[in-house]
Each structure stands twice: as structure tokens, then as C-alpha cells.
Amino acid sequence: LAELSVARTASTLQRLQNRGSQLLQDEDWSSAIKVFEEALAIDQGLRFAREGLAVAKPRGQIEKELAAIVDQSERLVDDAILSEARSSVARAKSLDGLGPRLSAQLAAAEETLAVASTPLAITVSSDGLTEVTVYKVARLGLFDTQQLTLRPGKYTAVGSRRGYRDTRVVFTVSPGENAPVYIACSEAI
């Protein structure tokens, strides 16, 4: 019975090792992590499982970060998030032997960063009587038309005028879609 138990454990570990190796080749990091952790639950001293985790965990983390850069590109308006994204790309570039999937994600993230870092001109118009502020950019004051240079992303402009209800306009700056933004308080209190 003891020999049968050892043979079953050895068979299970061999299956987990083969499956983990295949998942690493397929660049399925989260599944590979689960397989290697399952193997380590059986025996903490397994070299293939520790080495597999050492490869899969950082690559899985980088994969999540690169996907977030592409999927949530509107967040790159924030300087801290843009800086964090740049450091994620730098960490990804420093990894040895990137597979085709991770390389494609890296290229997409670099392209997204290039677009997010390139300021675009936008025209903001008002009635000359409304005090205009674009959050996280500047207090613009009173004006009829003003040009701003902003990085792609979502912005909120607020207009205020004594005796009138404040108004808020959320607008998106993106390549090829920069319609003029008009903000003016028109509803009297």
C-alpha cells in the first residue's frame, strides 16, 4: 500500500510538472501558478514547482499591469498612473525570453503609452461670463475661446457664475475626436 501511495504521488507530481511546463509555454501564467502551488502543497521541496512559480508569478503580474495599461488607458491622464505604467513597461522589457503573447502585450502597452503621452490641442469655449475650471489642469477664468493642450483622457470642466446654477461638462480628449467643448452657466437661480 505504501508503494502504491508513493507511485500515485509520483504520477500526480509528474502530471503537474508536465501540465505546468505546458502552461508556461502557452503563457497562461495564472493557471501555471495554480498548478505549481498544487504541486508545492504535496511537497514543499519540489524544485520544478519553485522554479515554475519564480517564472510565472512576475510574468503574471506584468501581464496584468500591461493589460490594465491598454484596457484602462483613460486613467493615464494622471501623472502618477502614467509613471507607474512606464515603470511596468520597463520591468516587462527587462524580463528574459518574452514569449509571443507577452511581447504582443508589451507592444500594445508601449503604443498606448505613446498615444497617452502625446498632448492634443482642444478648443474650450464659454460665454465670457462664466468662471471655468478644468479639474486637474487649470483655472481658466472668464473667456470666450481658449486653446488647451491636453493629454488624451477624460476631463471634467466646471463653470460657475454668480446668480446661476453651476454647470459641469465631462469631455474626452482622444486622437481624431476633439470636438470643441462649450461650457457656460445659463440656468438662473
C-alpha atoms as a PDB file:
ATOM      1  CA  LEU A   1       0.000   0.000   0.000  1.00  0.00           C
ATOM      2  CA  ALA A   2       2.870   2.342   0.787  1.00  0.00           C
ATOM      3  CA  GLU A   3       4.456   1.691  -2.611  1.00  0.00           C
ATOM      4  CA  LEU A   4       1.106   2.261  -4.306  1.00  0.00           C
ATOM      5  CA  SER A   5       0.705   5.589  -2.455  1.00  0.00           C
ATOM      6  CA  VAL A   6       4.241   6.667  -3.467  1.00  0.00           C
ATOM      7  CA  ALA A   7       3.558   5.664  -7.089  1.00  0.00           C
ATOM      8  CA  ARG A   8       0.290   7.669  -7.121  1.00  0.00           C
ATOM      9  CA  THR A   9       2.038  10.715  -5.657  1.00  0.00           C
ATOM     10  CA  ALA A  10       4.865  10.410  -8.192  1.00  0.00           C
ATOM     11  CA  SER A  11       2.347  10.093 -11.020  1.00  0.00           C
ATOM     12  CA  THR A  12       0.419  13.121  -9.781  1.00  0.00           C
ATOM     13  CA  LEU A  13       3.619  15.175  -9.481  1.00  0.00           C
ATOM     14  CA  GLN A  14       4.747  14.136 -12.962  1.00  0.00           C
ATOM     15  CA  ARG A  15       1.348  15.133 -14.367  1.00  0.00           C
ATOM     16  CA  LEU A  16       1.543  18.505 -12.563  1.00  0.00           C
ATOM     17  CA  GLN A  17       5.093  19.081 -13.822  1.00  0.00           C
ATOM     18  CA  ASN A  18       4.081  18.348 -17.421  1.00  0.00           C
ATOM     19  CA  ARG A  19       0.965  20.491 -17.142  1.00  0.00           C
ATOM     20  CA  GLY A  20       2.919  23.365 -15.553  1.00  0.00           C
ATOM     21  CA  SER A  21       5.564  23.248 -18.287  1.00  0.00           C
ATOM     22  CA  GLN A  22       2.878  23.328 -20.963  1.00  0.00           C
ATOM     23  CA  LEU A  23       1.136  26.274 -19.299  1.00  0.00           C
ATOM     24  CA  LEU A  24       4.435  28.197 -19.135  1.00  0.00           C
ATOM     25  CA  GLN A  25       4.951  27.612 -22.855  1.00  0.00           C
ATOM     26  CA  ASP A  26       1.375  28.755 -23.525  1.00  0.00           C
ATOM     27  CA  GLU A  27       1.984  31.840 -21.346  1.00  0.00           C
ATOM     28  CA  ASP A  28      -1.052  31.021 -19.192  1.00  0.00           C
ATOM     29  CA  TRP A  29       0.505  32.432 -16.043  1.00  0.00           C
ATOM     30  CA  SER A  30      -2.438  32.241 -13.638  1.00  0.00           C
ATOM     31  CA  SER A  31      -3.136  28.574 -14.447  1.00  0.00           C
ATOM     32  CA  ALA A  32       0.569  27.770 -14.189  1.00  0.00           C
ATOM     33  CA  ILE A  33       0.715  29.392 -10.749  1.00  0.00           C
ATOM     34  CA  LYS A  34      -2.225  27.243  -9.591  1.00  0.00           C
ATOM     35  CA  VAL A  35      -0.576  24.059 -10.889  1.00  0.00           C
ATOM     36  CA  PHE A  36       2.767  24.816  -9.240  1.00  0.00           C
ATOM     37  CA  GLU A  37       1.091  25.754  -5.962  1.00  0.00           C
ATOM     38  CA  GLU A  38      -0.857  22.488  -6.098  1.00  0.00           C
ATOM     39  CA  ALA A  39       2.439  20.614  -6.519  1.00  0.00           C
ATOM     40  CA  LEU A  40       4.011  22.513  -3.614  1.00  0.00           C
ATOM     41  CA  ALA A  41       1.018  21.596  -1.439  1.00  0.00           C
ATOM     42  CA  ILE A  42       2.022  17.959  -1.964  1.00  0.00           C
ATOM     43  CA  ASP A  43       5.748  18.514  -1.421  1.00  0.00           C
ATOM     44  CA  GLN A  44       7.331  21.861  -0.459  1.00  0.00           C
ATOM     45  CA  GLY A  45      10.739  20.775  -1.727  1.00  0.00           C
ATOM     46  CA  LEU A  46       9.839  20.347  -5.392  1.00  0.00           C
ATOM     47  CA  ARG A  47      12.374  22.220  -7.465  1.00  0.00           C
ATOM     48  CA  PHE A  48      10.295  22.348 -10.663  1.00  0.00           C
ATOM     49  CA  ALA A  49       7.384  23.921  -8.780  1.00  0.00           C
ATOM     50  CA  ARG A  50       9.527  26.570  -7.044  1.00  0.00           C
ATOM     51  CA  GLU A  51      11.288  27.449 -10.301  1.00  0.00           C
ATOM     52  CA  GLY A  52       7.969  27.494 -12.162  1.00  0.00           C
ATOM     53  CA  LEU A  53       6.483  29.887  -9.632  1.00  0.00           C
ATOM     54  CA  ALA A  54       9.589  32.075  -9.860  1.00  0.00           C
ATOM     55  CA  VAL A  55       8.902  32.433 -13.598  1.00  0.00           C
ATOM     56  CA  ALA A  56       5.092  32.541 -13.608  1.00  0.00           C
ATOM     57  CA  LYS A  57       4.402  34.988 -10.761  1.00  0.00           C
ATOM     58  CA  PRO A  58       6.355  38.022 -12.057  1.00  0.00           C
ATOM     59  CA  ARG A  59       5.197  37.404 -15.612  1.00  0.00           C
ATOM     60  CA  GLY A  60       1.603  37.042 -14.482  1.00  0.00           C
ATOM     61  CA  GLN A  61       1.863  40.318 -12.594  1.00  0.00           C
ATOM     62  CA  ILE A  62       3.418  42.090 -15.590  1.00  0.00           C
ATOM     63  CA  GLU A  63       0.703  40.663 -17.841  1.00  0.00           C
ATOM     64  CA  LYS A  64      -1.999  42.151 -15.564  1.00  0.00           C
ATOM     65  CA  GLU A  65      -0.236  45.509 -15.493  1.00  0.00           C
ATOM     66  CA  LEU A  66       0.201  45.630 -19.281  1.00  0.00           C
ATOM     67  CA  ALA A  67      -3.437  44.657 -19.812  1.00  0.00           C
ATOM     68  CA  ALA A  68      -4.530  47.424 -17.419  1.00  0.00           C
ATOM     69  CA  ILE A  69      -2.490  49.980 -19.385  1.00  0.00           C
ATOM     70  CA  VAL A  70      -4.298  49.086 -22.605  1.00  0.00           C
ATOM     71  CA  ASP A  71      -7.776  48.440 -21.145  1.00  0.00           C
ATOM     72  CA  GLN A  72      -7.851  51.498 -18.875  1.00  0.00           C
ATOM     73  CA  SER A  73      -5.915  53.964 -20.987  1.00  0.00           C
ATOM     74  CA  GLU A  74      -8.145  56.857 -19.871  1.00  0.00           C
ATOM     75  CA  ARG A  75      -6.515  56.613 -16.416  1.00  0.00           C
ATOM     76  CA  LEU A  76      -3.164  57.620 -17.930  1.00  0.00           C
ATOM     77  CA  VAL A  77      -4.225  61.272 -17.649  1.00  0.00           C
ATOM     78  CA  ASP A  78      -2.996  61.091 -14.044  1.00  0.00           C
ATOM     79  CA  ASP A  79       0.781  61.678 -13.901  1.00  0.00           C
ATOM     80  CA  ALA A  80       1.282  59.100 -11.127  1.00  0.00           C
ATOM     81  CA  ILE A  81      -0.539  56.394 -13.083  1.00  0.00           C
ATOM     82  CA  LEU A  82       1.368  57.295 -16.251  1.00  0.00           C
ATOM     83  CA  SER A  83       4.661  56.999 -14.364  1.00  0.00           C
ATOM     84  CA  GLU A  84       3.575  53.656 -12.892  1.00  0.00           C
ATOM     85  CA  ALA A  85       2.647  52.422 -16.372  1.00  0.00           C
ATOM     86  CA  ARG A  86       6.052  53.429 -17.720  1.00  0.00           C
ATOM     87  CA  SER A  87       7.801  51.507 -14.940  1.00  0.00           C
ATOM     88  CA  SER A  88       5.621  48.444 -15.702  1.00  0.00           C
ATOM     89  CA  VAL A  89       6.723  48.586 -19.337  1.00  0.00           C
ATOM     90  CA  ALA A  90      10.363  48.942 -18.258  1.00  0.00           C
ATOM     91  CA  ARG A  91      10.030  45.895 -15.966  1.00  0.00           C
ATOM     92  CA  ALA A  92       8.460  43.902 -18.796  1.00  0.00           C
ATOM     93  CA  LYS A  93      11.334  44.822 -21.116  1.00  0.00           C
ATOM     94  CA  SER A  94      13.832  43.615 -18.518  1.00  0.00           C
ATOM     95  CA  LEU A  95      12.375  40.081 -18.438  1.00  0.00           C
ATOM     96  CA  ASP A  96      14.363  37.423 -20.277  1.00  0.00           C
ATOM     97  CA  GLY A  97      12.811  35.374 -23.066  1.00  0.00           C
ATOM     98  CA  LEU A  98       9.466  37.059 -23.578  1.00  0.00           C
ATOM     99  CA  GLY A  99       7.031  34.793 -25.384  1.00  0.00           C
ATOM    100  CA  PRO A 100       4.890  35.921 -28.302  1.00  0.00           C
ATOM    101  CA  ARG A 101       1.835  36.701 -26.168  1.00  0.00           C
ATOM    102  CA  LEU A 102       3.711  38.809 -23.619  1.00  0.00           C
ATOM    103  CA  SER A 103       5.665  40.518 -26.423  1.00  0.00           C
ATOM    104  CA  ALA A 104       2.410  41.465 -28.151  1.00  0.00           C
ATOM    105  CA  GLN A 105       1.023  42.848 -24.881  1.00  0.00           C
ATOM    106  CA  LEU A 106       4.218  44.828 -24.353  1.00  0.00           C
ATOM    107  CA  ALA A 107       3.981  46.318 -27.858  1.00  0.00           C
ATOM    108  CA  ALA A 108       0.323  47.271 -27.302  1.00  0.00           C
ATOM    109  CA  ALA A 109       1.154  48.879 -23.941  1.00  0.00           C
ATOM    110  CA  GLU A 110       4.040  50.853 -25.479  1.00  0.00           C
ATOM    111  CA  GLU A 111       1.750  52.091 -28.247  1.00  0.00           C
ATOM    112  CA  THR A 112      -0.901  53.094 -25.690  1.00  0.00           C
ATOM    113  CA  LEU A 113       1.723  54.968 -23.660  1.00  0.00           C
ATOM    114  CA  ALA A 114       2.958  56.771 -26.769  1.00  0.00           C
ATOM    115  CA  VAL A 115      -0.583  57.944 -27.569  1.00  0.00           C
ATOM    116  CA  ALA A 116      -1.295  58.861 -23.927  1.00  0.00           C
ATOM    117  CA  SER A 117       1.906  60.898 -23.702  1.00  0.00           C
ATOM    118  CA  THR A 118       1.230  62.979 -26.816  1.00  0.00           C
ATOM    119  CA  PRO A 119      -0.695  66.166 -25.952  1.00  0.00           C
ATOM    120  CA  LEU A 120      -3.501  67.229 -28.280  1.00  0.00           C
ATOM    121  CA  ALA A 121      -4.969  70.682 -28.888  1.00  0.00           C
ATOM    122  CA  ILE A 122      -8.569  71.254 -27.829  1.00  0.00           C
ATOM    123  CA  THR A 123     -10.760  74.341 -28.009  1.00  0.00           C
ATOM    124  CA  VAL A 124     -12.780  75.349 -24.963  1.00  0.00           C
ATOM    125  CA  SER A 125     -15.489  77.987 -25.449  1.00  0.00           C
ATOM    126  CA  SER A 126     -17.576  79.898 -22.970  1.00  0.00           C
ATOM    127  CA  ASP A 127     -19.853  82.924 -22.829  1.00  0.00           C
ATOM    128  CA  GLY A 128     -17.254  85.259 -21.323  1.00  0.00           C
ATOM    129  CA  LEU A 129     -19.336  85.493 -18.120  1.00  0.00           C
ATOM    130  CA  THR A 130     -18.725  82.022 -16.652  1.00  0.00           C
ATOM    131  CA  GLU A 131     -15.696  81.225 -14.488  1.00  0.00           C
ATOM    132  CA  VAL A 132     -14.304  77.982 -15.982  1.00  0.00           C
ATOM    133  CA  THR A 133     -12.066  75.423 -14.276  1.00  0.00           C
ATOM    134  CA  VAL A 134     -10.807  72.185 -15.797  1.00  0.00           C
ATOM    135  CA  TYR A 135     -10.128  69.799 -12.910  1.00  0.00           C
ATOM    136  CA  LYS A 136      -6.515  68.668 -12.520  1.00  0.00           C
ATOM    137  CA  VAL A 137      -5.476  71.099 -15.278  1.00  0.00           C
ATOM    138  CA  ALA A 138      -6.081  74.779 -14.538  1.00  0.00           C
ATOM    139  CA  ARG A 139      -8.468  77.516 -13.526  1.00  0.00           C
ATOM    140  CA  LEU A 140      -9.126  79.227 -16.841  1.00  0.00           C
ATOM    141  CA  GLY A 141     -11.240  82.145 -15.644  1.00  0.00           C
ATOM    142  CA  LEU A 142     -13.511  84.189 -17.911  1.00  0.00           C
ATOM    143  CA  PHE A 143     -13.055  83.880 -21.678  1.00  0.00           C
ATOM    144  CA  ASP A 144     -14.849  83.379 -24.984  1.00  0.00           C
ATOM    145  CA  THR A 145     -12.485  80.859 -26.584  1.00  0.00           C
ATOM    146  CA  GLN A 146      -9.296  79.315 -25.342  1.00  0.00           C
ATOM    147  CA  GLN A 147      -6.932  76.646 -26.710  1.00  0.00           C
ATOM    148  CA  LEU A 148      -5.674  73.953 -24.325  1.00  0.00           C
ATOM    149  CA  THR A 149      -3.095  71.269 -24.924  1.00  0.00           C
ATOM    150  CA  LEU A 150      -4.093  68.130 -23.027  1.00  0.00           C
ATOM    151  CA  ARG A 151      -3.009  64.503 -22.991  1.00  0.00           C
ATOM    152  CA  PRO A 152      -5.654  62.012 -24.151  1.00  0.00           C
ATOM    153  CA  GLY A 153      -8.159  61.033 -21.468  1.00  0.00           C
ATOM    154  CA  LYS A 154     -11.341  62.136 -19.677  1.00  0.00           C
ATOM    155  CA  TYR A 155     -11.577  65.590 -18.179  1.00  0.00           C
ATOM    156  CA  THR A 156     -14.186  67.498 -16.219  1.00  0.00           C
ATOM    157  CA  ALA A 157     -14.781  71.200 -16.712  1.00  0.00           C
ATOM    158  CA  VAL A 158     -16.864  73.170 -14.229  1.00  0.00           C
ATOM    159  CA  GLY A 159     -18.422  76.548 -14.845  1.00  0.00           C
ATOM    160  CA  SER A 160     -19.650  78.875 -12.134  1.00  0.00           C
ATOM    161  CA  ARG A 161     -21.339  82.264 -12.298  1.00  0.00           C
ATOM    162  CA  ARG A 162     -22.908  84.348  -9.566  1.00  0.00           C
ATOM    163  CA  GLY A 163     -26.693  84.004  -9.618  1.00  0.00           C
ATOM    164  CA  TYR A 164     -26.618  80.918 -11.857  1.00  0.00           C
ATOM    165  CA  ARG A 165     -26.520  77.191 -11.257  1.00  0.00           C
ATOM    166  CA  ASP A 166     -23.029  75.681 -11.711  1.00  0.00           C
ATOM    167  CA  THR A 167     -22.583  73.515 -14.755  1.00  0.00           C
ATOM    168  CA  ARG A 168     -20.324  70.542 -15.320  1.00  0.00           C
ATOM    169  CA  VAL A 169     -19.106  69.100 -18.619  1.00  0.00           C
ATOM    170  CA  VAL A 170     -17.214  65.821 -18.900  1.00  0.00           C
ATOM    171  CA  PHE A 171     -15.277  65.569 -22.150  1.00  0.00           C
ATOM    172  CA  THR A 172     -12.828  63.134 -23.679  1.00  0.00           C
ATOM    173  CA  VAL A 173      -9.642  64.078 -25.463  1.00  0.00           C
ATOM    174  CA  SER A 174      -8.580  61.438 -27.953  1.00  0.00           C
ATOM    175  CA  PRO A 175      -6.768  61.391 -31.291  1.00  0.00           C
ATOM    176  CA  GLY A 176      -9.131  62.325 -34.109  1.00  0.00           C
ATOM    177  CA  GLU A 177     -12.152  63.109 -31.881  1.00  0.00           C
ATOM    178  CA  ASN A 178     -11.572  66.531 -30.370  1.00  0.00           C
ATOM    179  CA  ALA A 179     -14.807  68.447 -30.778  1.00  0.00           C
ATOM    180  CA  PRO A 180     -14.881  71.906 -29.194  1.00  0.00           C
ATOM    181  CA  VAL A 181     -16.057  71.975 -25.587  1.00  0.00           C
ATOM    182  CA  TYR A 182     -18.637  74.603 -24.639  1.00  0.00           C
ATOM    183  CA  ILE A 183     -19.311  75.437 -21.018  1.00  0.00           C
ATOM    184  CA  ALA A 184     -21.500  78.250 -19.754  1.00  0.00           C
ATOM    185  CA  CYS A 185     -23.886  78.757 -16.858  1.00  0.00           C
ATOM    186  CA  SER A 186     -27.336  79.527 -18.278  1.00  0.00           C
ATOM    187  CA  GLU A 187     -29.832  78.433 -15.613  1.00  0.00           C
ATOM    188  CA  ALA A 188     -30.618  81.329 -13.260  1.00  0.00           C
ATOM    189  CA  ILE A 189     -31.203  80.525  -9.598  1.00  0.00           C
END
